[in-house]
Amino acid sequence: MNFERVNLRSSPYVGIFGIATDEFVLVPNSVLPKELKKIETELEVKSIKANLGGTSLLGILATGIDNKLVVSSIVEKEEIKTLEKEGLEILQIGGYTATGNLLALNNNGGIASTLFTEKVVKELEGFFGVKFKVMNIADSDLTGACVTVTNKGFITHPNINEKDFKELKKIFGVNGQATTANYGDLFVGNSVLANSNGVIVGELTSGIELSKIDEGLRGD
């Protein structure tokens, strides 16, 4: 698996600004060429440049698997059309802004914040074709920000309890690791961008964190 420390938009919080699947990586229009080259090389997928909701906060406003994305209610129609022209399928759900912070999923299953209604969860299951478990992580309803998951492994908020950690292993069908990133960031989803091919971490990430992130996302 490829592994690299990279900043995105000169920020170590790469998960806030990007979205990675095994089919593509979505990055802001303002990404620097040297940053984009590293990301494409490590993740081994095509890059798509976009803004969502008129901002570069892609990872906060959307998430997905394969060529499917669920996006925030503030994402504009023209932005959705741009993504669809790139071959992506888009689901927009009303009433939720920070959609990417509320969901985490791979091809085996997903977790959804307790902020979501039962109706929305059913809609998500129909769109992605996987079952979602409604739960919080480490007493936080920012479920997506607490987890980075691929089809090989996952990492999660270090304060997760043992019961919930075992539940994540069951839902995602892979092994994982509880850890921080970016020298102490508990919300690893904000600091890590990953797919089955590679991992991008913010440049503040320490050596000990790198080891745990690598182990977790390899599924060792």
C-alpha atoms as a PDB file:
ATOM      1  CA  MET A   1       0.000   0.000   0.000  1.00  0.00           C
ATOM      2  CA  ASN A   2       1.258   3.485  -0.880  1.00  0.00           C
ATOM      3  CA  PHE A   3       1.712   5.937   1.991  1.00  0.00           C
ATOM      4  CA  GLU A   4       2.582   9.635   1.924  1.00  0.00           C
ATOM      5  CA  ARG A   5       2.490  12.753   4.081  1.00  0.00           C
ATOM      6  CA  VAL A   6       0.818  15.482   2.034  1.00  0.00           C
ATOM      7  CA  ASN A   7      -0.912  18.792   2.637  1.00  0.00           C
ATOM      8  CA  LEU A   8      -3.980  19.766   0.626  1.00  0.00           C
ATOM      9  CA  ARG A   9      -4.546  23.432  -0.062  1.00  0.00           C
ATOM     10  CA  SER A  10      -1.474  23.884   2.150  1.00  0.00           C
ATOM     11  CA  SER A  11      -3.417  22.362   5.079  1.00  0.00           C
ATOM     12  CA  PRO A  12      -2.652  19.092   6.911  1.00  0.00           C
ATOM     13  CA  TYR A  13      -6.397  18.401   7.243  1.00  0.00           C
ATOM     14  CA  VAL A  14      -6.572  16.501   3.983  1.00  0.00           C
ATOM     15  CA  GLY A  15      -9.815  14.719   4.878  1.00  0.00           C
ATOM     16  CA  ILE A  16     -11.687  18.004   5.110  1.00  0.00           C
ATOM     17  CA  PHE A  17     -10.771  18.972   1.544  1.00  0.00           C
ATOM     18  CA  GLY A  18     -10.804  15.655  -0.299  1.00  0.00           C
ATOM     19  CA  ILE A  19     -12.817  12.476  -0.901  1.00  0.00           C
ATOM     20  CA  ALA A  20     -11.231   9.218  -2.054  1.00  0.00           C
ATOM     21  CA  THR A  21     -12.788   6.005  -3.343  1.00  0.00           C
ATOM     22  CA  ASP A  22     -11.360   3.092  -5.317  1.00  0.00           C
ATOM     23  CA  GLU A  23     -12.619   4.803  -8.491  1.00  0.00           C
ATOM     24  CA  PHE A  24     -11.581   8.463  -8.060  1.00  0.00           C
ATOM     25  CA  VAL A  25     -10.287  11.173  -5.751  1.00  0.00           C
ATOM     26  CA  LEU A  26     -12.219  14.433  -5.524  1.00  0.00           C
ATOM     27  CA  VAL A  27     -10.115  17.517  -4.801  1.00  0.00           C
ATOM     28  CA  PRO A  28     -10.811  21.267  -4.682  1.00  0.00           C
ATOM     29  CA  ASN A  29     -10.403  23.390  -7.788  1.00  0.00           C
ATOM     30  CA  SER A  30      -7.705  25.304  -5.911  1.00  0.00           C
ATOM     31  CA  VAL A  31      -5.472  22.269  -5.266  1.00  0.00           C
ATOM     32  CA  LEU A  32      -1.801  22.966  -5.969  1.00  0.00           C
ATOM     33  CA  PRO A  33      -0.214  20.977  -8.836  1.00  0.00           C
ATOM     34  CA  LYS A  34       2.475  19.458  -6.594  1.00  0.00           C
ATOM     35  CA  GLU A  35      -0.181  18.353  -4.109  1.00  0.00           C
ATOM     36  CA  LEU A  36      -2.358  16.830  -6.816  1.00  0.00           C
ATOM     37  CA  LYS A  37       0.537  14.886  -8.330  1.00  0.00           C
ATOM     38  CA  LYS A  38       1.356  13.252  -4.988  1.00  0.00           C
ATOM     39  CA  ILE A  39      -2.294  12.397  -4.304  1.00  0.00           C
ATOM     40  CA  GLU A  40      -2.840  10.830  -7.737  1.00  0.00           C
ATOM     41  CA  THR A  41       0.396   8.865  -7.469  1.00  0.00           C
ATOM     42  CA  GLU A  42      -0.341   7.434  -4.025  1.00  0.00           C
ATOM     43  CA  LEU A  43      -4.049   6.674  -4.484  1.00  0.00           C
ATOM     44  CA  GLU A  44      -3.673   5.421  -8.089  1.00  0.00           C
ATOM     45  CA  VAL A  45      -7.029   6.767  -9.293  1.00  0.00           C
ATOM     46  CA  LYS A  46      -8.162   9.601 -11.528  1.00  0.00           C
ATOM     47  CA  SER A  47      -8.632  12.985  -9.913  1.00  0.00           C
ATOM     48  CA  ILE A  48     -11.689  15.165 -10.318  1.00  0.00           C
ATOM     49  CA  LYS A  49     -11.519  18.854  -9.451  1.00  0.00           C
ATOM     50  CA  ALA A  50     -14.652  20.460  -8.029  1.00  0.00           C
ATOM     51  CA  ASN A  51     -16.122  22.784  -5.460  1.00  0.00           C
ATOM     52  CA  LEU A  52     -19.182  21.930  -3.405  1.00  0.00           C
ATOM     53  CA  GLY A  53     -21.527  24.500  -1.969  1.00  0.00           C
ATOM     54  CA  GLY A  54     -19.212  27.116  -3.416  1.00  0.00           C
ATOM     55  CA  THR A  55     -16.446  25.934  -1.064  1.00  0.00           C
ATOM     56  CA  SER A  56     -13.413  23.658  -1.066  1.00  0.00           C
ATOM     57  CA  LEU A  57     -14.664  21.679   1.970  1.00  0.00           C
ATOM     58  CA  LEU A  58     -15.440  18.585  -0.074  1.00  0.00           C
ATOM     59  CA  GLY A  59     -14.820  16.014   2.649  1.00  0.00           C
ATOM     60  CA  ILE A  60     -17.196  17.757   5.033  1.00  0.00           C
ATOM     61  CA  LEU A  61     -19.988  18.113   2.498  1.00  0.00           C
ATOM     62  CA  ALA A  62     -19.911  14.683   0.816  1.00  0.00           C
ATOM     63  CA  THR A  63     -18.728  11.085   0.982  1.00  0.00           C
ATOM     64  CA  GLY A  64     -19.127   7.907  -1.019  1.00  0.00           C
ATOM     65  CA  ILE A  65     -17.886   4.623  -2.444  1.00  0.00           C
ATOM     66  CA  ASP A  66     -17.013   3.518  -5.977  1.00  0.00           C
ATOM     67  CA  ASN A  67     -18.570   6.119  -8.327  1.00  0.00           C
ATOM     68  CA  LYS A  68     -21.371   7.128  -5.937  1.00  0.00           C
ATOM     69  CA  LEU A  69     -21.493  10.239  -3.759  1.00  0.00           C
ATOM     70  CA  VAL A  70     -24.007  11.528  -1.241  1.00  0.00           C
ATOM     71  CA  VAL A  71     -23.811  15.315  -0.999  1.00  0.00           C
ATOM     72  CA  SER A  72     -24.937  18.082   1.308  1.00  0.00           C
ATOM     73  CA  SER A  73     -28.162  19.990   0.904  1.00  0.00           C
ATOM     74  CA  ILE A  74     -26.137  23.145   0.153  1.00  0.00           C
ATOM     75  CA  VAL A  75     -24.443  21.689  -2.934  1.00  0.00           C
ATOM     76  CA  GLU A  76     -25.606  23.567  -6.023  1.00  0.00           C
ATOM     77  CA  LYS A  77     -27.291  22.025  -9.077  1.00  0.00           C
ATOM     78  CA  GLU A  78     -24.514  23.100 -11.410  1.00  0.00           C
ATOM     79  CA  GLU A  79     -21.939  21.474  -9.137  1.00  0.00           C
ATOM     80  CA  ILE A  80     -23.919  18.216  -9.223  1.00  0.00           C
ATOM     81  CA  LYS A  81     -24.134  18.379 -13.022  1.00  0.00           C
ATOM     82  CA  THR A  82     -20.356  18.800 -13.208  1.00  0.00           C
ATOM     83  CA  LEU A  83     -19.842  15.658 -11.149  1.00  0.00           C
ATOM     84  CA  GLU A  84     -22.384  13.695 -13.173  1.00  0.00           C
ATOM     85  CA  LYS A  85     -20.522  14.638 -16.365  1.00  0.00           C
ATOM     86  CA  GLU A  86     -17.493  12.935 -14.791  1.00  0.00           C
ATOM     87  CA  GLY A  87     -19.505   9.709 -14.509  1.00  0.00           C
ATOM     88  CA  LEU A  88     -20.483   9.977 -10.845  1.00  0.00           C
ATOM     89  CA  GLU A  89     -23.898   9.107  -9.425  1.00  0.00           C
ATOM     90  CA  ILE A  90     -25.100  11.723  -6.935  1.00  0.00           C
ATOM     91  CA  LEU A  91     -27.623  11.556  -4.110  1.00  0.00           C
ATOM     92  CA  GLN A  92     -28.498  14.863  -2.456  1.00  0.00           C
ATOM     93  CA  ILE A  93     -30.300  14.671   0.859  1.00  0.00           C
ATOM     94  CA  GLY A  94     -32.156  17.638   2.281  1.00  0.00           C
ATOM     95  CA  GLY A  95     -31.799  19.050   5.763  1.00  0.00           C
ATOM     96  CA  TYR A  96     -28.158  18.097   6.387  1.00  0.00           C
ATOM     97  CA  THR A  97     -25.152  20.306   5.734  1.00  0.00           C
ATOM     98  CA  ALA A  98     -22.025  18.471   6.903  1.00  0.00           C
ATOM     99  CA  THR A  99     -23.002  15.169   5.262  1.00  0.00           C
ATOM    100  CA  GLY A 100     -19.435  13.891   4.965  1.00  0.00           C
ATOM    101  CA  ASN A 101     -18.946  14.249   8.712  1.00  0.00           C
ATOM    102  CA  LEU A 102     -21.998  12.094   9.438  1.00  0.00           C
ATOM    103  CA  LEU A 103     -21.286   8.931   7.404  1.00  0.00           C
ATOM    104  CA  ALA A 104     -18.546   6.339   6.919  1.00  0.00           C
ATOM    105  CA  LEU A 105     -18.823   3.344   4.601  1.00  0.00           C
ATOM    106  CA  ASN A 106     -17.129   0.782   2.407  1.00  0.00           C
ATOM    107  CA  ASN A 107     -18.525  -1.879   0.086  1.00  0.00           C
ATOM    108  CA  ASN A 108     -19.475  -4.117   3.013  1.00  0.00           C
ATOM    109  CA  GLY A 109     -21.466  -1.689   5.147  1.00  0.00           C
ATOM    110  CA  GLY A 110     -21.675   1.727   6.717  1.00  0.00           C
ATOM    111  CA  ILE A 111     -22.327   3.709   9.863  1.00  0.00           C
ATOM    112  CA  ALA A 112     -24.606   6.733  10.060  1.00  0.00           C
ATOM    113  CA  SER A 113     -24.918   9.457  12.680  1.00  0.00           C
ATOM    114  CA  THR A 114     -27.838   9.407  15.083  1.00  0.00           C
ATOM    115  CA  LEU A 115     -28.716  12.810  13.603  1.00  0.00           C
ATOM    116  CA  PHE A 116     -30.161  11.060  10.536  1.00  0.00           C
ATOM    117  CA  THR A 117     -33.830  10.111  10.368  1.00  0.00           C
ATOM    118  CA  GLU A 118     -34.867   6.540   9.647  1.00  0.00           C
ATOM    119  CA  LYS A 119     -36.191   7.677   6.262  1.00  0.00           C
ATOM    120  CA  VAL A 120     -32.829   9.141   5.244  1.00  0.00           C
ATOM    121  CA  VAL A 121     -30.978   6.011   6.365  1.00  0.00           C
ATOM    122  CA  LYS A 122     -33.249   3.885   4.157  1.00  0.00           C
ATOM    123  CA  GLU A 123     -32.573   6.251   1.266  1.00  0.00           C
ATOM    124  CA  LEU A 124     -28.825   5.899   1.802  1.00  0.00           C
ATOM    125  CA  GLU A 125     -29.087   2.106   1.894  1.00  0.00           C
ATOM    126  CA  GLY A 126     -31.010   2.056  -1.361  1.00  0.00           C
ATOM    127  CA  PHE A 127     -28.522   4.333  -3.076  1.00  0.00           C
ATOM    128  CA  PHE A 128     -25.291   2.675  -1.935  1.00  0.00           C
ATOM    129  CA  GLY A 129     -26.600  -0.891  -1.759  1.00  0.00           C
ATOM    130  CA  VAL A 130     -25.216  -1.514   1.744  1.00  0.00           C
ATOM    131  CA  LYS A 131     -26.727  -1.649   5.219  1.00  0.00           C
ATOM    132  CA  PHE A 132     -26.104   1.215   7.641  1.00  0.00           C
ATOM    133  CA  LYS A 133     -25.834   0.955  11.417  1.00  0.00           C
ATOM    134  CA  VAL A 134     -27.010   4.125  13.187  1.00  0.00           C
ATOM    135  CA  MET A 135     -24.514   4.889  15.940  1.00  0.00           C
ATOM    136  CA  ASN A 136     -22.261   7.504  17.478  1.00  0.00           C
ATOM    137  CA  ILE A 137     -18.528   7.061  17.999  1.00  0.00           C
ATOM    138  CA  ALA A 138     -16.844   8.051  21.282  1.00  0.00           C
ATOM    139  CA  ASP A 139     -20.000   9.978  22.274  1.00  0.00           C
ATOM    140  CA  SER A 140     -19.762  12.055  19.083  1.00  0.00           C
ATOM    141  CA  ASP A 141     -22.513  12.259  16.471  1.00  0.00           C
ATOM    142  CA  LEU A 142     -19.879  13.270  13.882  1.00  0.00           C
ATOM    143  CA  THR A 143     -19.601   9.630  12.878  1.00  0.00           C
ATOM    144  CA  GLY A 144     -17.880  10.281   9.563  1.00  0.00           C
ATOM    145  CA  ALA A 145     -15.269  12.554  11.083  1.00  0.00           C
ATOM    146  CA  CYS A 146     -14.432   9.826  13.623  1.00  0.00           C
ATOM    147  CA  VAL A 147     -13.627   7.153  11.020  1.00  0.00           C
ATOM    148  CA  THR A 148     -11.652   6.636   7.817  1.00  0.00           C
ATOM    149  CA  VAL A 149     -12.503   3.330   6.154  1.00  0.00           C
ATOM    150  CA  THR A 150     -11.578   1.519   2.932  1.00  0.00           C
ATOM    151  CA  ASN A 151     -12.241  -1.971   1.617  1.00  0.00           C
ATOM    152  CA  LYS A 152      -9.005  -3.107   3.291  1.00  0.00           C
ATOM    153  CA  GLY A 153      -9.162  -1.561   6.765  1.00  0.00           C
ATOM    154  CA  PHE A 154     -10.194   1.360   8.950  1.00  0.00           C
ATOM    155  CA  ILE A 155      -8.985   3.786  11.602  1.00  0.00           C
ATOM    156  CA  THR A 156     -11.146   5.391  14.227  1.00  0.00           C
ATOM    157  CA  HIS A 157     -11.323   7.897  17.097  1.00  0.00           C
ATOM    158  CA  PRO A 158      -8.994   6.666  19.890  1.00  0.00           C
ATOM    159  CA  ASN A 159     -11.666   7.015  22.588  1.00  0.00           C
ATOM    160  CA  ILE A 160     -14.021   4.497  20.990  1.00  0.00           C
ATOM    161  CA  ASN A 161     -15.179   1.819  23.429  1.00  0.00           C
ATOM    162  CA  GLU A 162     -14.393  -1.859  22.902  1.00  0.00           C
ATOM    163  CA  LYS A 163     -17.974  -2.815  22.057  1.00  0.00           C
ATOM    164  CA  ASP A 164     -18.269  -0.201  19.311  1.00  0.00           C
ATOM    165  CA  PHE A 165     -14.819  -1.071  17.928  1.00  0.00           C
ATOM    166  CA  LYS A 166     -15.872  -4.708  17.541  1.00  0.00           C
ATOM    167  CA  GLU A 167     -19.090  -3.494  15.900  1.00  0.00           C
ATOM    168  CA  LEU A 168     -17.115  -1.492  13.331  1.00  0.00           C
ATOM    169  CA  LYS A 169     -15.049  -4.572  12.451  1.00  0.00           C
ATOM    170  CA  LYS A 170     -18.272  -6.508  11.896  1.00  0.00           C
ATOM    171  CA  ILE A 171     -19.967  -3.763   9.839  1.00  0.00           C
ATOM    172  CA  PHE A 172     -16.994  -2.976   7.599  1.00  0.00           C
ATOM    173  CA  GLY A 173     -15.816  -6.589   7.342  1.00  0.00           C
ATOM    174  CA  VAL A 174     -12.183  -5.579   7.870  1.00  0.00           C
ATOM    175  CA  ASN A 175      -9.754  -5.064  10.733  1.00  0.00           C
ATOM    176  CA  GLY A 176      -8.871  -1.621  12.033  1.00  0.00           C
ATOM    177  CA  GLN A 177      -6.990   0.494  14.535  1.00  0.00           C
ATOM    178  CA  ALA A 178      -7.906   3.213  17.017  1.00  0.00           C
ATOM    179  CA  THR A 179      -5.538   6.154  16.633  1.00  0.00           C
ATOM    180  CA  THR A 180      -5.068   9.893  16.269  1.00  0.00           C
ATOM    181  CA  ALA A 181      -3.577  11.728  13.275  1.00  0.00           C
ATOM    182  CA  ASN A 182      -1.887  15.088  12.659  1.00  0.00           C
ATOM    183  CA  TYR A 183      -0.166  14.986  16.047  1.00  0.00           C
ATOM    184  CA  GLY A 184      -3.217  14.398  18.213  1.00  0.00           C
ATOM    185  CA  ASP A 185      -6.305  14.995  16.070  1.00  0.00           C
ATOM    186  CA  LEU A 186      -9.009  12.691  17.479  1.00  0.00           C
ATOM    187  CA  PHE A 187     -11.207  13.099  14.399  1.00  0.00           C
ATOM    188  CA  VAL A 188      -9.116  11.034  12.021  1.00  0.00           C
ATOM    189  CA  GLY A 189     -11.590  11.471   9.170  1.00  0.00           C
ATOM    190  CA  ASN A 190     -10.504  15.103   8.966  1.00  0.00           C
ATOM    191  CA  SER A 191      -6.816  14.272   8.706  1.00  0.00           C
ATOM    192  CA  VAL A 192      -6.592  11.196   6.473  1.00  0.00           C
ATOM    193  CA  LEU A 193      -7.537  10.501   2.847  1.00  0.00           C
ATOM    194  CA  ALA A 194      -7.419   6.843   1.792  1.00  0.00           C
ATOM    195  CA  ASN A 195      -8.597   4.143  -0.593  1.00  0.00           C
ATOM    196  CA  SER A 196      -7.582   0.511  -1.116  1.00  0.00           C
ATOM    197  CA  ASN A 197      -4.428   1.572  -2.973  1.00  0.00           C
ATOM    198  CA  GLY A 198      -2.942   4.170  -0.693  1.00  0.00           C
ATOM    199  CA  VAL A 199      -3.089   6.563   2.210  1.00  0.00           C
ATOM    200  CA  ILE A 200      -2.576  10.324   2.372  1.00  0.00           C
ATOM    201  CA  VAL A 201      -2.007  11.793   5.826  1.00  0.00           C
ATOM    202  CA  GLY A 202      -1.486  15.381   6.915  1.00  0.00           C
ATOM    203  CA  GLU A 203       2.108  16.492   7.295  1.00  0.00           C
ATOM    204  CA  LEU A 204       1.771  16.979  11.079  1.00  0.00           C
ATOM    205  CA  THR A 205       1.208  13.251  11.584  1.00  0.00           C
ATOM    206  CA  SER A 206       3.812  11.736  13.930  1.00  0.00           C
ATOM    207  CA  GLY A 207       5.801   8.554  13.412  1.00  0.00           C
ATOM    208  CA  ILE A 208       3.794   6.618  16.000  1.00  0.00           C
ATOM    209  CA  GLU A 209       0.545   7.773  14.385  1.00  0.00           C
ATOM    210  CA  LEU A 210       1.852   6.794  10.952  1.00  0.00           C
ATOM    211  CA  SER A 211       2.526   3.270  12.184  1.00  0.00           C
ATOM    212  CA  LYS A 212      -0.979   2.882  13.639  1.00  0.00           C
ATOM    213  CA  ILE A 213      -2.683   4.415  10.587  1.00  0.00           C
ATOM    214  CA  ASP A 214      -0.699   2.158   8.276  1.00  0.00           C
ATOM    215  CA  GLU A 215      -1.594  -0.932  10.322  1.00  0.00           C
ATOM    216  CA  GLY A 216      -5.273   0.021  10.532  1.00  0.00           C
ATOM    217  CA  LEU A 217      -5.774   0.797   6.861  1.00  0.00           C
ATOM    218  CA  ARG A 218      -3.869  -2.285   5.764  1.00  0.00           C
ATOM    219  CA  GLY A 219      -6.314  -4.287   7.876  1.00  0.00           C
ATOM    220  CA  ASP A 220      -3.448  -6.103   9.633  1.00  0.00           C
END
